[in-house]
Amino acid sequence: MRPKHRPRVRVRLMKKRLQLLLNVQFPEINDPKGLCRDITGVGRWGNGDVEVSLSSLDELPYVMGLVRQSYERQMGKGGDEATNELPSQ
């Protein structure tokens, strides 16, 4: 039986970075810095059409914004207004 909901992001630990697969179509992601890679149709582990790598803690707020966009798309909240920054605390 297939699960009702797919994971929103898969994380793979690499030697010098984290590799994330976002479960969103590439044209739907707002990525002004160009960190995302379109892996539509590429043989790969997991699901999702967007790959992004995190190689520095400085990139974490931006990458979390990308993860948030994927989450909001899957939850039906659109994600168009999503920012690529974490909310200020």
Protein backbone atom coordinates (compact mmCIF):
# COMPACT_ATOMS: atom_id res chain seq x y z
CA MET A 1 0.00 0.00 0.00
CA ARG A 2 1.31 3.42 -0.96
CA PRO A 3 1.57 6.05 1.80
CA LYS A 4 -0.95 8.89 1.60
CA HIS A 5 1.66 11.63 1.93
CA ARG A 6 5.14 11.66 0.48
CA PRO A 7 8.06 13.10 2.41
CA ARG A 8 8.54 16.80 1.76
CA VAL A 9 12.32 16.62 1.86
CA ARG A 10 14.93 13.88 1.94
CA VAL A 11 18.37 14.56 3.34
CA ARG A 12 21.49 12.72 2.31
CA LEU A 13 24.74 13.16 4.21
CA MET A 14 27.67 13.60 1.87
CA LYS A 15 31.35 13.98 2.74
CA LYS A 16 31.41 17.81 2.72
CA ARG A 17 27.76 18.79 2.40
CA LEU A 18 24.14 17.84 2.88
CA GLN A 19 22.15 17.02 -0.21
CA LEU A 20 18.41 17.68 -0.03
CA LEU A 21 15.71 16.50 -2.40
CA LEU A 22 12.64 18.70 -2.26
CA ASN A 23 9.33 17.16 -3.23
CA VAL A 24 8.23 19.99 -5.51
CA GLN A 25 8.40 20.55 -9.27
CA PHE A 26 11.36 22.63 -10.38
CA PRO A 27 9.36 25.44 -12.05
CA GLU A 28 7.44 25.97 -8.78
CA ILE A 29 10.47 26.78 -6.62
CA ASN A 30 11.51 30.40 -6.07
CA ASP A 31 15.32 30.27 -5.98
CA PRO A 32 16.88 33.68 -6.72
CA LYS A 33 20.36 32.47 -5.70
CA GLY A 34 20.23 29.56 -8.12
CA LEU A 35 21.23 26.87 -5.62
CA CYS A 36 18.59 24.41 -6.82
CA ARG A 37 19.16 21.89 -9.57
CA ASP A 38 16.42 20.46 -11.77
CA ILE A 39 16.66 16.66 -11.55
CA THR A 40 13.39 15.92 -13.33
CA GLY A 41 13.78 12.66 -15.20
CA VAL A 42 17.20 11.92 -13.72
CA GLY A 43 17.65 8.53 -12.07
CA ARG A 44 18.08 9.23 -8.36
CA TRP A 45 17.29 8.08 -4.85
CA GLY A 46 14.06 9.27 -3.24
CA ASN A 47 11.41 11.47 -4.77
CA GLY A 48 11.21 15.10 -5.77
CA ASP A 49 12.41 17.09 -8.75
CA VAL A 50 14.59 19.65 -6.96
CA GLU A 51 18.04 19.01 -5.52
CA VAL A 52 19.80 21.54 -3.33
CA SER A 53 23.09 21.19 -1.47
CA LEU A 54 23.98 22.77 1.84
CA SER A 55 27.73 23.17 2.20
CA SER A 56 27.89 26.01 4.71
CA LEU A 57 25.91 27.02 7.79
CA ASP A 58 25.60 30.46 6.20
CA GLU A 59 23.29 28.88 3.59
CA LEU A 60 20.98 27.34 6.19
CA PRO A 61 18.38 30.17 6.41
CA TYR A 62 18.10 30.33 2.62
CA VAL A 63 17.82 26.54 2.20
CA MET A 64 15.21 26.36 4.98
CA GLY A 65 13.19 28.89 2.96
CA LEU A 66 13.33 26.49 0.01
CA VAL A 67 12.20 23.63 2.25
CA ARG A 68 9.35 25.83 3.51
CA GLN A 69 8.24 26.50 -0.07
CA SER A 70 8.10 22.76 -0.76
CA TYR A 71 6.11 22.18 2.43
CA GLU A 72 3.62 24.97 1.68
CA ARG A 73 3.08 23.70 -1.86
CA GLN A 74 2.30 20.21 -0.60
CA MET A 75 0.01 21.47 2.11
CA GLY A 76 -1.96 23.53 -0.42
CA LYS A 77 -0.79 26.91 0.80
CA GLY A 78 0.70 27.91 -2.54
CA GLY A 79 4.17 28.92 -1.46
CA ASP A 80 4.31 31.85 -3.90
CA GLU A 81 4.78 34.35 -1.10
CA ALA A 82 7.29 32.18 0.73
CA THR A 83 10.53 33.89 1.54
CA ASN A 84 13.88 32.18 1.58
CA GLU A 85 14.67 33.44 5.06
CA LEU A 86 13.71 32.18 8.49
CA PRO A 87 11.40 34.44 10.49
CA SER A 88 13.19 36.83 12.83
CA GLN A 89 13.15 35.79 16.46
